[in-house]
Each structure stands twice: as structure tokens, then as C-alpha cells.
PDB file of all heavy atoms in Angstrom:
ATOM      1  N   GLU A   1      81.890  85.168  95.223  1.00  0.00           N
ATOM      2  CA  GLU A   1      82.868  86.246  95.323  1.00  0.00           C
ATOM      3  C   GLU A   1      82.417  87.258  96.374  1.00  0.00           C
ATOM      4  O   GLU A   1      83.195  87.748  97.175  1.00  0.00           O
ATOM      5  CB  GLU A   1      83.043  86.945  93.960  1.00  0.00           C
ATOM      6  CG  GLU A   1      83.493  86.020  92.845  1.00  0.00           C
ATOM      7  CD  GLU A   1      82.322  85.440  92.090  1.00  0.00           C
ATOM      8  OE1 GLU A   1      81.203  85.455  92.623  1.00  0.00           O
ATOM      9  OE2 GLU A   1      82.521  84.983  90.964  1.00  0.00           O
ATOM     10  N   GLN A   2      81.110  87.574  96.335  1.00  0.00           N
ATOM     11  CA  GLN A   2      80.583  88.556  97.265  1.00  0.00           C
ATOM     12  C   GLN A   2      80.667  88.030  98.696  1.00  0.00           C
ATOM     13  O   GLN A   2      81.022  88.767  99.613  1.00  0.00           O
ATOM     14  CB  GLN A   2      79.132  88.871  96.905  1.00  0.00           C
ATOM     15  CG  GLN A   2      78.523  89.984  97.725  1.00  0.00           C
ATOM     16  CD  GLN A   2      77.070  90.210  97.385  1.00  0.00           C
ATOM     17  OE1 GLN A   2      76.396  89.303  96.904  1.00  0.00           O
ATOM     18  NE2 GLN A   2      76.589  91.398  97.624  1.00  0.00           N
ATOM     19  N   VAL A   3      80.333  86.769  98.889  1.00  0.00           N
ATOM     20  CA  VAL A   3      80.386  86.188 100.219  1.00  0.00           C
ATOM     21  C   VAL A   3      81.808  86.251 100.778  1.00  0.00           C
ATOM     22  O   VAL A   3      82.036  86.668 101.912  1.00  0.00           O
ATOM     23  CB  VAL A   3      79.881  84.731 100.186  1.00  0.00           C
ATOM     24  CG1 VAL A   3      80.128  84.050 101.517  1.00  0.00           C
ATOM     25  CG2 VAL A   3      78.405  84.703  99.840  1.00  0.00           C
ATOM     26  N   GLY A   4      82.781  85.850  99.978  1.00  0.00           N
ATOM     27  CA  GLY A   4      84.155  85.858 100.454  1.00  0.00           C
ATOM     28  C   GLY A   4      84.643  87.254 100.782  1.00  0.00           C
ATOM     29  O   GLY A   4      85.247  87.492 101.833  1.00  0.00           O
ATOM     30  N   LEU A   5      84.361  88.225  99.908  1.00  0.00           N
ATOM     31  CA  LEU A   5      84.819  89.591 100.137  1.00  0.00           C
ATOM     32  C   LEU A   5      84.148  90.197 101.360  1.00  0.00           C
ATOM     33  O   LEU A   5      84.797  90.845 102.191  1.00  0.00           O
ATOM     34  CB  LEU A   5      84.530  90.444  98.898  1.00  0.00           C
ATOM     35  CG  LEU A   5      84.927  91.928  98.995  1.00  0.00           C
ATOM     36  CD1 LEU A   5      86.421  92.046  99.222  1.00  0.00           C
ATOM     37  CD2 LEU A   5      84.506  92.673  97.734  1.00  0.00           C
ATOM     38  N   LEU A   6      82.842  89.989 101.490  1.00  0.00           N
ATOM     39  CA  LEU A   6      82.134  90.541 102.636  1.00  0.00           C
ATOM     40  C   LEU A   6      82.642  89.946 103.947  1.00  0.00           C
ATOM     41  O   LEU A   6      82.753  90.649 104.953  1.00  0.00           O
ATOM     42  CB  LEU A   6      80.632  90.282 102.493  1.00  0.00           C
ATOM     43  CG  LEU A   6      79.888  91.153 101.480  1.00  0.00           C
ATOM     44  CD1 LEU A   6      78.461  90.685 101.329  1.00  0.00           C
ATOM     45  CD2 LEU A   6      79.929  92.610 101.911  1.00  0.00           C
ATOM     46  N   ARG A   7      82.932  88.655 103.931  1.00  0.00           N
ATOM     47  CA  ARG A   7      83.428  88.032 105.164  1.00  0.00           C
ATOM     48  C   ARG A   7      84.781  88.609 105.549  1.00  0.00           C
ATOM     49  O   ARG A   7      85.043  88.866 106.723  1.00  0.00           O
ATOM     50  CB  ARG A   7      83.514  86.519 104.989  1.00  0.00           C
ATOM     51  CG  ARG A   7      83.929  85.808 106.278  1.00  0.00           C
ATOM     52  CD  ARG A   7      83.809  84.309 106.151  1.00  0.00           C
ATOM     53  NE  ARG A   7      84.212  83.665 107.389  1.00  0.00           N
ATOM     54  CZ  ARG A   7      83.430  83.511 108.445  1.00  0.00           C
ATOM     55  NH1 ARG A   7      82.199  83.963 108.420  1.00  0.00           N
ATOM     56  NH2 ARG A   7      83.871  82.921 109.535  1.00  0.00           N
ATOM     57  N   ILE A   8      85.653  88.841 104.574  1.00  0.00           N
ATOM     58  CA  ILE A   8      86.961  89.423 104.876  1.00  0.00           C
ATOM     59  C   ILE A   8      86.804  90.815 105.463  1.00  0.00           C
ATOM     60  O   ILE A   8      87.382  91.143 106.510  1.00  0.00           O
ATOM     61  CB  ILE A   8      87.826  89.464 103.600  1.00  0.00           C
ATOM     62  CG1 ILE A   8      88.216  88.046 103.179  1.00  0.00           C
ATOM     63  CG2 ILE A   8      89.079  90.298 103.834  1.00  0.00           C
ATOM     64  CD1 ILE A   8      88.958  87.992 101.857  1.00  0.00           C
ATOM     65  N   VAL A   9      86.016  91.659 104.794  1.00  0.00           N
ATOM     66  CA  VAL A   9      85.844  93.040 105.262  1.00  0.00           C
ATOM     67  C   VAL A   9      85.190  93.080 106.636  1.00  0.00           C
ATOM     68  O   VAL A   9      85.640  93.794 107.549  1.00  0.00           O
ATOM     69  CB  VAL A   9      85.022  93.842 104.234  1.00  0.00           C
ATOM     70  CG1 VAL A   9      84.699  95.234 104.779  1.00  0.00           C
ATOM     71  CG2 VAL A   9      85.772  93.954 102.921  1.00  0.00           C
ATOM     72  N   ALA A  10      84.109  92.303 106.807  1.00  0.00           N
ATOM     73  CA  ALA A  10      83.402  92.311 108.087  1.00  0.00           C
ATOM     74  C   ALA A  10      84.264  91.745 109.207  1.00  0.00           C
ATOM     75  O   ALA A  10      84.216  92.230 110.347  1.00  0.00           O
ATOM     76  CB  ALA A  10      82.104  91.508 107.970  1.00  0.00           C
ATOM     77  N   THR A  11      85.061  90.740 108.902  1.00  0.00           N
ATOM     78  CA  THR A  11      85.940  90.165 109.917  1.00  0.00           C
ATOM     79  C   THR A  11      87.012  91.162 110.330  1.00  0.00           C
ATOM     80  O   THR A  11      87.326  91.304 111.525  1.00  0.00           O
ATOM     81  CB  THR A  11      86.589  88.871 109.395  1.00  0.00           C
ATOM     82  OG1 THR A  11      85.567  87.934 109.069  1.00  0.00           O
ATOM     83  CG2 THR A  11      87.502  88.262 110.454  1.00  0.00           C
ATOM     84  N   LEU A  12      87.584  91.861 109.365  1.00  0.00           N
ATOM     85  CA  LEU A  12      88.574  92.894 109.694  1.00  0.00           C
ATOM     86  C   LEU A  12      87.955  93.990 110.553  1.00  0.00           C
ATOM     87  O   LEU A  12      88.545  94.423 111.551  1.00  0.00           O
ATOM     88  CB  LEU A  12      89.161  93.477 108.404  1.00  0.00           C
ATOM     89  CG  LEU A  12      90.079  92.557 107.600  1.00  0.00           C
ATOM     90  CD1 LEU A  12      90.443  93.198 106.267  1.00  0.00           C
ATOM     91  CD2 LEU A  12      91.345  92.234 108.395  1.00  0.00           C
ATOM     92  N   LEU A  13      86.761  94.447 110.170  1.00  0.00           N
ATOM     93  CA  LEU A  13      86.093  95.484 110.951  1.00  0.00           C
ATOM     94  C   LEU A  13      85.745  94.976 112.355  1.00  0.00           C
ATOM     95  O   LEU A  13      85.878  95.706 113.342  1.00  0.00           O
ATOM     96  CB  LEU A  13      84.825  95.942 110.230  1.00  0.00           C
ATOM     97  CG  LEU A  13      85.027  96.758 108.950  1.00  0.00           C
ATOM     98  CD1 LEU A  13      83.681  97.064 108.299  1.00  0.00           C
ATOM     99  CD2 LEU A  13      85.781  98.050 109.245  1.00  0.00           C
ATOM    100  N   GLY A  14      85.291  93.730 112.430  1.00  0.00           N
ATOM    101  CA  GLY A  14      84.980  93.164 113.740  1.00  0.00           C
ATOM    102  C   GLY A  14      86.212  93.034 114.618  1.00  0.00           C
ATOM    103  O   GLY A  14      86.159  93.307 115.826  1.00  0.00           O
ATOM    104  N   GLY A  15      87.329  92.616 114.024  1.00  0.00           N
ATOM    105  CA  GLY A  15      88.565  92.520 114.792  1.00  0.00           C
ATOM    106  C   GLY A  15      89.024  93.871 115.300  1.00  0.00           C
ATOM    107  O   GLY A  15      89.436  94.018 116.460  1.00  0.00           O
ATOM    108  N   LEU A  16      88.953  94.884 114.449  1.00  0.00           N
ATOM    109  CA  LEU A  16      89.328  96.233 114.874  1.00  0.00           C
ATOM    110  C   LEU A  16      88.378  96.758 115.948  1.00  0.00           C
ATOM    111  O   LEU A  16      88.793  97.447 116.883  1.00  0.00           O
ATOM    112  CB  LEU A  16      89.338  97.173 113.665  1.00  0.00           C
ATOM    113  CG  LEU A  16      90.428  96.905 112.616  1.00  0.00           C
ATOM    114  CD1 LEU A  16      90.252  97.824 111.416  1.00  0.00           C
ATOM    115  CD2 LEU A  16      91.813  97.089 113.226  1.00  0.00           C
ATOM    116  N   SER A  17      87.091  96.438 115.819  1.00  0.00           N
ATOM    117  CA  SER A  17      86.109  96.876 116.820  1.00  0.00           C
ATOM    118  C   SER A  17      86.391  96.245 118.182  1.00  0.00           C
ATOM    119  O   SER A  17      86.320  96.917 119.222  1.00  0.00           O
ATOM    120  CB  SER A  17      84.696  96.518 116.354  1.00  0.00           C
ATOM    121  OG  SER A  17      84.393  97.152 115.135  1.00  0.00           O
ATOM    122  N   ALA A  18      86.704  94.930 118.182  1.00  0.00           N
ATOM    123  CA  ALA A  18      86.992  94.252 119.448  1.00  0.00           C
ATOM    124  C   ALA A  18      88.246  94.814 120.097  1.00  0.00           C
ATOM    125  O   ALA A  18      88.283  95.067 121.313  1.00  0.00           O
ATOM    126  CB  ALA A  18      87.144  92.745 119.208  1.00  0.00           C
ATOM    127  N   LEU A  19      89.283  95.032 119.289  1.00  0.00           N
ATOM    128  CA  LEU A  19      90.521  95.588 119.832  1.00  0.00           C
ATOM    129  C   LEU A  19      90.295  97.017 120.317  1.00  0.00           C
ATOM    130  O   LEU A  19      90.796  97.415 121.378  1.00  0.00           O
ATOM    131  CB  LEU A  19      91.615  95.555 118.760  1.00  0.00           C
ATOM    132  CG  LEU A  19      93.008  96.045 119.192  1.00  0.00           C
ATOM    133  CD1 LEU A  19      93.529  95.221 120.353  1.00  0.00           C
ATOM    134  CD2 LEU A  19      93.976  95.983 118.021  1.00  0.00           C
ATOM    135  N   GLY A  20      89.532  97.807 119.531  1.00  0.00           N
ATOM    136  CA  GLY A  20      89.247  99.173 119.943  1.00  0.00           C
ATOM    137  C   GLY A  20      88.470  99.235 121.241  1.00  0.00           C
ATOM    138  O   GLY A  20      88.749 100.074 122.113  1.00  0.00           O
ATOM    139  N   MET A  21      87.496  98.344 121.405  1.00  0.00           N
ATOM    140  CA  MET A  21      86.731  98.309 122.646  1.00  0.00           C
ATOM    141  C   MET A  21      87.628  97.938 123.830  1.00  0.00           C
ATOM    142  O   MET A  21      87.477  98.477 124.938  1.00  0.00           O
ATOM    143  CB  MET A  21      85.584  97.313 122.512  1.00  0.00           C
ATOM    144  CG  MET A  21      84.660  97.245 123.724  1.00  0.00           C
ATOM    145  SD  MET A  21      83.794  98.786 124.075  1.00  0.00           S
ATOM    146  CE  MET A  21      82.563  98.793 122.759  1.00  0.00           C
ATOM    147  N   SER A  22      88.586  97.025 123.609  1.00  0.00           N
ATOM    148  CA  SER A  22      89.512  96.643 124.680  1.00  0.00           C
ATOM    149  C   SER A  22      90.390  97.810 125.110  1.00  0.00           C
ATOM    150  O   SER A  22      90.745  97.934 126.290  1.00  0.00           O
ATOM    151  CB  SER A  22      90.399  95.480 124.213  1.00  0.00           C
ATOM    152  OG  SER A  22      89.640  94.319 124.005  1.00  0.00           O
ATOM    153  N   LEU A  23      90.762  98.672 124.148  1.00  0.00           N
ATOM    154  CA  LEU A  23      91.623  99.804 124.463  1.00  0.00           C
ATOM    155  C   LEU A  23      90.835 100.984 125.029  1.00  0.00           C
ATOM    156  O   LEU A  23      91.309 101.669 125.944  1.00  0.00           O
ATOM    157  CB  LEU A  23      92.385 100.238 123.204  1.00  0.00           C
ATOM    158  CG  LEU A  23      93.404  99.227 122.664  1.00  0.00           C
ATOM    159  CD1 LEU A  23      93.978  99.696 121.342  1.00  0.00           C
ATOM    160  CD2 LEU A  23      94.522  99.006 123.673  1.00  0.00           C
ATOM    161  N   LEU A  24      89.637 101.223 124.488  1.00  0.00           N
ATOM    162  CA  LEU A  24      88.836 102.351 124.962  1.00  0.00           C
ATOM    163  C   LEU A  24      88.173 102.058 126.307  1.00  0.00           C
ATOM    164  O   LEU A  24      87.928 102.970 127.103  1.00  0.00           O
ATOM    165  CB  LEU A  24      87.762 102.694 123.921  1.00  0.00           C
ATOM    166  CG  LEU A  24      88.270 103.242 122.584  1.00  0.00           C
ATOM    167  CD1 LEU A  24      87.114 103.420 121.609  1.00  0.00           C
ATOM    168  CD2 LEU A  24      89.010 104.567 122.785  1.00  0.00           C
ATOM    169  N   TRP A  25      87.856 100.794 126.528  1.00  0.00           N
ATOM    170  CA  TRP A  25      87.203 100.370 127.780  1.00  0.00           C
ATOM    171  C   TRP A  25      88.032  99.210 128.342  1.00  0.00           C
ATOM    172  O   TRP A  25      87.609  98.072 128.348  1.00  0.00           O
ATOM    173  CB  TRP A  25      85.784  99.930 127.486  1.00  0.00           C
ATOM    174  CG  TRP A  25      84.902  99.820 128.677  1.00  0.00           C
ATOM    175  CD1 TRP A  25      85.270  99.773 129.994  1.00  0.00           C
ATOM    176  CD2 TRP A  25      83.469  99.719 128.669  1.00  0.00           C
ATOM    177  NE1 TRP A  25      84.188  99.644 130.796  1.00  0.00           N
ATOM    178  CE2 TRP A  25      83.061  99.615 130.022  1.00  0.00           C
ATOM    179  CE3 TRP A  25      82.504  99.698 127.661  1.00  0.00           C
ATOM    180  CZ2 TRP A  25      81.726  99.491 130.375  1.00  0.00           C
ATOM    181  CZ3 TRP A  25      81.175  99.576 128.015  1.00  0.00           C
ATOM    182  CH2 TRP A  25      80.784  99.477 129.351  1.00  0.00           C
ATOM    183  N   PRO A  26      89.241  99.522 128.826  1.00  0.00           N
ATOM    184  CA  PRO A  26      90.196  98.450 129.149  1.00  0.00           C
ATOM    185  C   PRO A  26      89.840  97.716 130.434  1.00  0.00           C
ATOM    186  O   PRO A  26      89.135  98.225 131.312  1.00  0.00           O
ATOM    187  CB  PRO A  26      91.518  99.202 129.296  1.00  0.00           C
ATOM    188  CG  PRO A  26      91.121 100.566 129.750  1.00  0.00           C
ATOM    189  CD  PRO A  26      89.808 100.855 129.070  1.00  0.00           C
ATOM    190  N   SER A  27      90.360  96.505 130.511  1.00  0.00           N
ATOM    191  CA  SER A  27      90.246  95.687 131.713  1.00  0.00           C
ATOM    192  C   SER A  27      91.616  95.061 131.955  1.00  0.00           C
ATOM    193  O   SER A  27      91.827  93.871 131.751  1.00  0.00           O
ATOM    194  CB  SER A  27      89.170  94.609 131.520  1.00  0.00           C
ATOM    195  OG  SER A  27      89.025  93.826 132.678  1.00  0.00           O
ATOM    196  N   TRP A  28      92.575  95.907 132.361  1.00  0.00           N
ATOM    197  CA  TRP A  28      93.966  95.474 132.457  1.00  0.00           C
ATOM    198  C   TRP A  28      94.168  94.482 133.596  1.00  0.00           C
ATOM    199  O   TRP A  28      93.696  94.689 134.722  1.00  0.00           O
ATOM    200  CB  TRP A  28      94.890  96.664 132.680  1.00  0.00           C
ATOM    201  CG  TRP A  28      94.851  97.731 131.632  1.00  0.00           C
ATOM    202  CD1 TRP A  28      94.562  99.043 131.812  1.00  0.00           C
ATOM    203  CD2 TRP A  28      95.120  97.580 130.230  1.00  0.00           C
ATOM    204  NE1 TRP A  28      94.628  99.722 130.626  1.00  0.00           N
ATOM    205  CE2 TRP A  28      94.966  98.851 129.633  1.00  0.00           C
ATOM    206  CE3 TRP A  28      95.451  96.497 129.424  1.00  0.00           C
ATOM    207  CZ2 TRP A  28      95.150  99.069 128.282  1.00  0.00           C
ATOM    208  CZ3 TRP A  28      95.632  96.714 128.072  1.00  0.00           C
ATOM    209  CH2 TRP A  28      95.490  97.971 127.508  1.00  0.00           C
ATOM    210  N   GLN A  29      94.880  93.413 133.306  1.00  0.00           N
ATOM    211  CA  GLN A  29      95.250  92.440 134.330  1.00  0.00           C
ATOM    212  C   GLN A  29      96.437  92.918 135.154  1.00  0.00           C
ATOM    213  O   GLN A  29      96.634  92.467 136.278  1.00  0.00           O
ATOM    214  CB  GLN A  29      95.600  91.097 133.677  1.00  0.00           C
ATOM    215  CG  GLN A  29      94.457  90.478 132.886  1.00  0.00           C
ATOM    216  CD  GLN A  29      93.297  90.075 133.751  1.00  0.00           C
ATOM    217  OE1 GLN A  29      93.458  89.329 134.711  1.00  0.00           O
ATOM    218  NE2 GLN A  29      92.117  90.577 133.427  1.00  0.00           N
ATOM    219  N   SER A  30      97.228  93.834 134.594  1.00  0.00           N
ATOM    220  CA  SER A  30      98.413  94.317 135.307  1.00  0.00           C
ATOM    221  C   SER A  30      98.041  95.001 136.611  1.00  0.00           C
ATOM    222  O   SER A  30      98.830  95.021 137.558  1.00  0.00           O
ATOM    223  CB  SER A  30      99.194  95.291 134.420  1.00  0.00           C
ATOM    224  OG  SER A  30      99.608  94.667 133.239  1.00  0.00           O
ATOM    225  N   GLY A  31      96.852  95.572 136.673  1.00  0.00           N
ATOM    226  CA  GLY A  31      96.457  96.256 137.897  1.00  0.00           C
ATOM    227  C   GLY A  31      96.202  95.324 139.062  1.00  0.00           C
ATOM    228  O   GLY A  31      96.190  95.768 140.217  1.00  0.00           O
ATOM    229  N   THR A  32      95.982  94.038 138.790  1.00  0.00           N
ATOM    230  CA  THR A  32      95.684  93.085 139.864  1.00  0.00           C
ATOM    231  C   THR A  32      96.771  92.038 140.058  1.00  0.00           C
ATOM    232  O   THR A  32      96.646  91.211 140.968  1.00  0.00           O
ATOM    233  CB  THR A  32      94.364  92.358 139.560  1.00  0.00           C
ATOM    234  OG1 THR A  32      94.495  91.616 138.337  1.00  0.00           O
ATOM    235  CG2 THR A  32      93.218  93.346 139.405  1.00  0.00           C
ATOM    236  N   VAL A  33      97.816  92.079 139.230  1.00  0.00           N
ATOM    237  CA  VAL A  33      98.768  90.971 139.249  1.00  0.00           C
ATOM    238  C   VAL A  33      99.542  90.915 140.569  1.00  0.00           C
ATOM    239  O   VAL A  33      99.790  89.823 141.099  1.00  0.00           O
ATOM    240  CB  VAL A  33      99.724  91.076 138.040  1.00  0.00           C
ATOM    241  CG1 VAL A  33     100.589  92.313 138.098  1.00  0.00           C
ATOM    242  CG2 VAL A  33     100.581  89.825 137.934  1.00  0.00           C
ATOM    243  N   TRP A  34      99.907  92.070 141.130  1.00  0.00           N
ATOM    244  CA  TRP A  34     100.662  92.043 142.382  1.00  0.00           C
ATOM    245  C   TRP A  34      99.802  91.527 143.531  1.00  0.00           C
ATOM    246  O   TRP A  34     100.258  90.734 144.356  1.00  0.00           O
ATOM    247  CB  TRP A  34     101.197  93.443 142.700  1.00  0.00           C
ATOM    248  CG  TRP A  34     102.371  93.846 141.874  1.00  0.00           C
ATOM    249  CD1 TRP A  34     102.398  94.763 140.868  1.00  0.00           C
ATOM    250  CD2 TRP A  34     103.698  93.321 141.968  1.00  0.00           C
ATOM    251  NE1 TRP A  34     103.657  94.852 140.331  1.00  0.00           N
ATOM    252  CE2 TRP A  34     104.482  93.984 140.995  1.00  0.00           C
ATOM    253  CE3 TRP A  34     104.315  92.372 142.774  1.00  0.00           C
ATOM    254  CZ2 TRP A  34     105.829  93.722 140.809  1.00  0.00           C
ATOM    255  CZ3 TRP A  34     105.663  92.110 142.598  1.00  0.00           C
ATOM    256  CH2 TRP A  34     106.400  92.776 141.625  1.00  0.00           C
ATOM    257  N   LYS A  35      98.556  91.978 143.594  1.00  0.00           N
ATOM    258  CA  LYS A  35      97.666  91.503 144.654  1.00  0.00           C
ATOM    259  C   LYS A  35      97.400  90.008 144.496  1.00  0.00           C
ATOM    260  O   LYS A  35      97.365  89.263 145.498  1.00  0.00           O
ATOM    261  CB  LYS A  35      96.346  92.282 144.583  1.00  0.00           C
ATOM    262  CG  LYS A  35      95.304  91.847 145.607  1.00  0.00           C
ATOM    263  CD  LYS A  35      95.790  92.133 147.029  1.00  0.00           C
ATOM    264  CE  LYS A  35      94.655  92.000 148.043  1.00  0.00           C
ATOM    265  NZ  LYS A  35      94.054  90.661 148.086  1.00  0.00           N
ATOM    266  N   THR A  36      97.224  89.545 143.257  1.00  0.00           N
ATOM    267  CA  THR A  36      96.985  88.122 143.020  1.00  0.00           C
ATOM    268  C   THR A  36      98.184  87.290 143.447  1.00  0.00           C
ATOM    269  O   THR A  36      98.041  86.233 144.082  1.00  0.00           O
ATOM    270  CB  THR A  36      96.684  87.881 141.537  1.00  0.00           C
ATOM    271  OG1 THR A  36      95.588  88.687 141.137  1.00  0.00           O
ATOM    272  CG2 THR A  36      96.347  86.419 141.286  1.00  0.00           C
ATOM    273  N   LEU A  37      99.386  87.761 143.123  1.00  0.00           N
ATOM    274  CA  LEU A  37     100.596  87.045 143.526  1.00  0.00           C
ATOM    275  C   LEU A  37     100.747  87.046 145.041  1.00  0.00           C
ATOM    276  O   LEU A  37     101.119  86.022 145.641  1.00  0.00           O
ATOM    277  CB  LEU A  37     101.818  87.675 142.863  1.00  0.00           C
ATOM    278  CG  LEU A  37     103.165  87.029 143.196  1.00  0.00           C
ATOM    279  CD1 LEU A  37     103.196  85.578 142.731  1.00  0.00           C
ATOM    280  CD2 LEU A  37     104.309  87.799 142.544  1.00  0.00           C
ATOM    281  N   GLN A  38     100.464  88.171 145.680  1.00  0.00           N
ATOM    282  CA  GLN A  38     100.567  88.244 147.136  1.00  0.00           C
ATOM    283  C   GLN A  38      99.596  87.271 147.802  1.00  0.00           C
ATOM    284  O   GLN A  38      99.951  86.589 148.774  1.00  0.00           O
ATOM    285  CB  GLN A  38     100.282  89.676 147.590  1.00  0.00           C
ATOM    286  CG  GLN A  38     100.605  89.947 149.066  1.00  0.00           C
ATOM    287  CD  GLN A  38     100.399  91.398 149.421  1.00  0.00           C
ATOM    288  OE1 GLN A  38      99.576  92.090 148.817  1.00  0.00           O
ATOM    289  NE2 GLN A  38     101.162  91.887 150.389  1.00  0.00           N
ATOM    290  N   ASP A  39      98.378  87.178 147.275  1.00  0.00           N
ATOM    291  CA  ASP A  39      97.410  86.222 147.826  1.00  0.00           C
ATOM    292  C   ASP A  39      97.888  84.783 147.639  1.00  0.00           C
ATOM    293  O   ASP A  39      97.697  83.937 148.518  1.00  0.00           O
ATOM    294  CB  ASP A  39      96.056  86.402 147.135  1.00  0.00           C
ATOM    295  CG  ASP A  39      95.383  87.718 147.504  1.00  0.00           C
ATOM    296  OD1 ASP A  39      95.793  88.330 148.503  1.00  0.00           O
ATOM    297  OD2 ASP A  39      94.467  88.134 146.775  1.00  0.00           O
ATOM    298  N   ALA A  40      98.505  84.504 146.482  1.00  0.00           N
ATOM    299  CA  ALA A  40      99.010  83.152 146.228  1.00  0.00           C
ATOM    300  C   ALA A  40     100.128  82.792 147.191  1.00  0.00           C
ATOM    301  O   ALA A  40     100.202  81.660 147.693  1.00  0.00           O
ATOM    302  CB  ALA A  40      99.491  83.046 144.787  1.00  0.00           C
ATOM    303  N   VAL A  41     101.019  83.745 147.459  1.00  0.00           N
ATOM    304  CA  VAL A  41     102.123  83.490 148.401  1.00  0.00           C
ATOM    305  C   VAL A  41     101.573  83.274 149.808  1.00  0.00           C
ATOM    306  O   VAL A  41     102.047  82.393 150.547  1.00  0.00           O
ATOM    307  CB  VAL A  41     103.132  84.656 148.361  1.00  0.00           C
ATOM    308  CG1 VAL A  41     104.166  84.510 149.471  1.00  0.00           C
ATOM    309  CG2 VAL A  41     103.828  84.703 147.007  1.00  0.00           C
ATOM    310  N   GLN A  42     100.588  84.056 150.204  1.00  0.00           N
ATOM    311  CA  GLN A  42      99.994  83.895 151.526  1.00  0.00           C
ATOM    312  C   GLN A  42      99.310  82.527 151.651  1.00  0.00           C
ATOM    313  O   GLN A  42      99.421  81.858 152.682  1.00  0.00           O
ATOM    314  CB  GLN A  42      98.982  85.014 151.776  1.00  0.00           C
ATOM    315  CG  GLN A  42      98.303  84.951 153.134  1.00  0.00           C
ATOM    316  CD  GLN A  42      99.291  85.007 154.281  1.00  0.00           C
ATOM    317  OE1 GLN A  42     100.208  85.829 154.289  1.00  0.00           O
ATOM    318  NE2 GLN A  42      99.135  84.110 155.258  1.00  0.00           N
ATOM    319  N   ALA A  43      98.601  82.118 150.588  1.00  0.00           N
ATOM    320  CA  ALA A  43      97.972  80.796 150.608  1.00  0.00           C
ATOM    321  C   ALA A  43      99.016  79.693 150.675  1.00  0.00           C
ATOM    322  O   ALA A  43      98.808  78.668 151.340  1.00  0.00           O
ATOM    323  CB  ALA A  43      97.094  80.621 149.365  1.00  0.00           C
ATOM    324  N   GLN A  44     100.143  79.900 150.003  1.00  0.00           N
ATOM    325  CA  GLN A  44     101.220  78.913 150.052  1.00  0.00           C
ATOM    326  C   GLN A  44     101.792  78.804 151.465  1.00  0.00           C
ATOM    327  O   GLN A  44     102.098  77.707 151.940  1.00  0.00           O
ATOM    328  CB  GLN A  44     102.322  79.307 149.066  1.00  0.00           C
ATOM    329  CG  GLN A  44     103.463  78.313 148.953  1.00  0.00           C
ATOM    330  CD  GLN A  44     103.010  76.994 148.345  1.00  0.00           C
ATOM    331  OE1 GLN A  44     101.989  76.946 147.656  1.00  0.00           O
ATOM    332  NE2 GLN A  44     103.739  75.935 148.611  1.00  0.00           N
ATOM    333  N   ALA A  45     101.924  79.951 152.132  1.00  0.00           N
ATOM    334  CA  ALA A  45     102.410  79.932 153.511  1.00  0.00           C
ATOM    335  C   ALA A  45     101.428  79.195 154.421  1.00  0.00           C
ATOM    336  O   ALA A  45     101.831  78.424 155.306  1.00  0.00           O
ATOM    337  CB  ALA A  45     102.631  81.362 154.001  1.00  0.00           C
TER     338      ALA A  45
END
């Protein structure tokens, strides 16, 4: 019982920690998407 409960709680906390780190220290792909697309079009040309 203890193992199952601890895994649920720790997993929830770990998931929130990972999401929080992504939001507090973001690495957005949207900032590079236009440049990436432009490079792809140039390579296609």
C-alpha cells in the first residue's frame, strides 16, 4: 500500500516539477519555427 501511494504522490510531484521547470525556464520552439522554415525553403530551392 505504501509503495503504491508513494509512487502516485512522487510521480505527480515529479510531473508538476518537470512542467514547472519547462514554464519557468522555457525553451520555446515557436521562436525558431520561422527561421527553420525559411532555411528549409532555401534548401529546397
